[in-house]
Amino acid sequence: MPNPKSLPPPETIAAIRTLLFGRLAEIHRDLTQSLADLATGIDKQSPNSCLGFVVYTETRLQSMHNILLVLREHLGG
């Protein structure tokens, strides 16, 4: 747990949280759309487009994972 005296000002912490949660929301929207597109590609039996959606989905999941690791570190999780 970080030393409370070494923490940045509350405004900075709030701005960082807003930025990170906003980015998570944006990635979530992208991920949801990508999964819907993947389902459509599967229905159309389009392997090439499905592969592209899987790669895109994987990068979005990794981005969310990285942000959550940062949040966990700073929120004491």
Protein backbone atom coordinates (compact mmCIF):
# COMPACT_ATOMS: atom_id res chain seq x y z
CA MET A 1 0.00 0.00 0.00
CA PRO A 2 1.48 3.38 -0.93
CA ASN A 3 2.40 5.89 1.70
CA PRO A 4 -0.48 8.45 1.92
CA LYS A 5 2.06 11.28 2.14
CA SER A 6 3.55 10.29 -1.22
CA LEU A 7 0.23 10.17 -3.10
CA PRO A 8 -0.53 12.78 -5.76
CA PRO A 9 -3.22 15.39 -5.04
CA PRO A 10 -6.83 14.12 -5.04
CA GLU A 11 -7.58 16.05 -8.25
CA THR A 12 -4.83 14.17 -10.04
CA ILE A 13 -6.07 10.82 -8.76
CA ALA A 14 -9.63 11.68 -9.83
CA ALA A 15 -8.43 12.71 -13.30
CA ILE A 16 -6.46 9.49 -13.72
CA ARG A 17 -9.43 7.38 -12.61
CA THR A 18 -11.72 9.25 -14.99
CA LEU A 19 -9.27 8.70 -17.84
CA LEU A 20 -8.80 5.00 -17.12
CA PHE A 21 -12.48 4.23 -16.57
CA GLY A 22 -13.34 6.21 -19.71
CA ARG A 23 -10.82 4.19 -21.67
CA LEU A 24 -12.23 0.95 -20.25
CA ALA A 25 -15.72 1.99 -21.33
CA GLU A 26 -14.47 2.79 -24.83
CA ILE A 27 -12.65 -0.55 -25.10
CA HIS A 28 -15.76 -2.32 -23.79
CA ARG A 29 -17.88 -0.77 -26.56
CA ASP A 30 -15.27 -1.76 -29.18
CA LEU A 31 -15.07 -5.27 -27.77
CA THR A 32 -18.84 -5.71 -27.73
CA GLN A 33 -19.06 -4.59 -31.36
CA SER A 34 -16.17 -6.84 -32.35
CA LEU A 35 -17.83 -9.85 -30.73
CA ALA A 36 -21.07 -9.06 -32.56
CA ASP A 37 -19.13 -8.80 -35.83
CA LEU A 38 -17.40 -12.09 -35.05
CA ALA A 39 -20.76 -13.79 -34.52
CA THR A 40 -21.95 -12.39 -37.86
CA GLY A 41 -18.79 -13.66 -39.56
CA ILE A 42 -19.34 -17.11 -38.07
CA ASP A 43 -22.95 -17.11 -39.29
CA LYS A 44 -21.75 -16.18 -42.78
CA GLN A 45 -18.99 -18.80 -42.54
CA SER A 46 -16.32 -16.24 -43.35
CA PRO A 47 -13.05 -17.56 -41.86
CA ASN A 48 -10.86 -14.65 -42.96
CA SER A 49 -13.07 -11.98 -41.43
CA CYS A 50 -13.47 -14.08 -38.27
CA LEU A 51 -9.71 -14.29 -37.88
CA GLY A 52 -9.46 -10.50 -38.15
CA PHE A 53 -12.16 -10.06 -35.50
CA VAL A 54 -10.42 -12.54 -33.18
CA VAL A 55 -7.12 -10.65 -33.48
CA TYR A 56 -8.88 -7.32 -32.88
CA THR A 57 -10.75 -8.78 -29.89
CA GLU A 58 -7.53 -10.16 -28.43
CA THR A 59 -5.83 -6.76 -28.52
CA ARG A 60 -8.85 -5.13 -26.86
CA LEU A 61 -8.90 -7.75 -24.10
CA GLN A 62 -5.17 -7.23 -23.51
CA SER A 63 -5.73 -3.47 -23.27
CA MET A 64 -8.48 -3.96 -20.69
CA HIS A 65 -6.27 -6.35 -18.75
CA ASN A 66 -3.41 -3.83 -18.66
CA ILE A 67 -5.66 -1.02 -17.45
CA LEU A 68 -7.17 -3.24 -14.79
CA LEU A 69 -3.67 -4.15 -13.57
CA VAL A 70 -2.89 -0.46 -13.16
CA LEU A 71 -6.15 0.13 -11.31
CA ARG A 72 -5.61 -2.88 -9.06
CA GLU A 73 -2.14 -1.64 -8.12
CA HIS A 74 -3.40 1.82 -7.16
CA LEU A 75 -6.63 0.70 -5.53
CA GLY A 76 -4.93 -1.85 -3.32
CA GLY A 77 -6.44 -4.94 -4.97
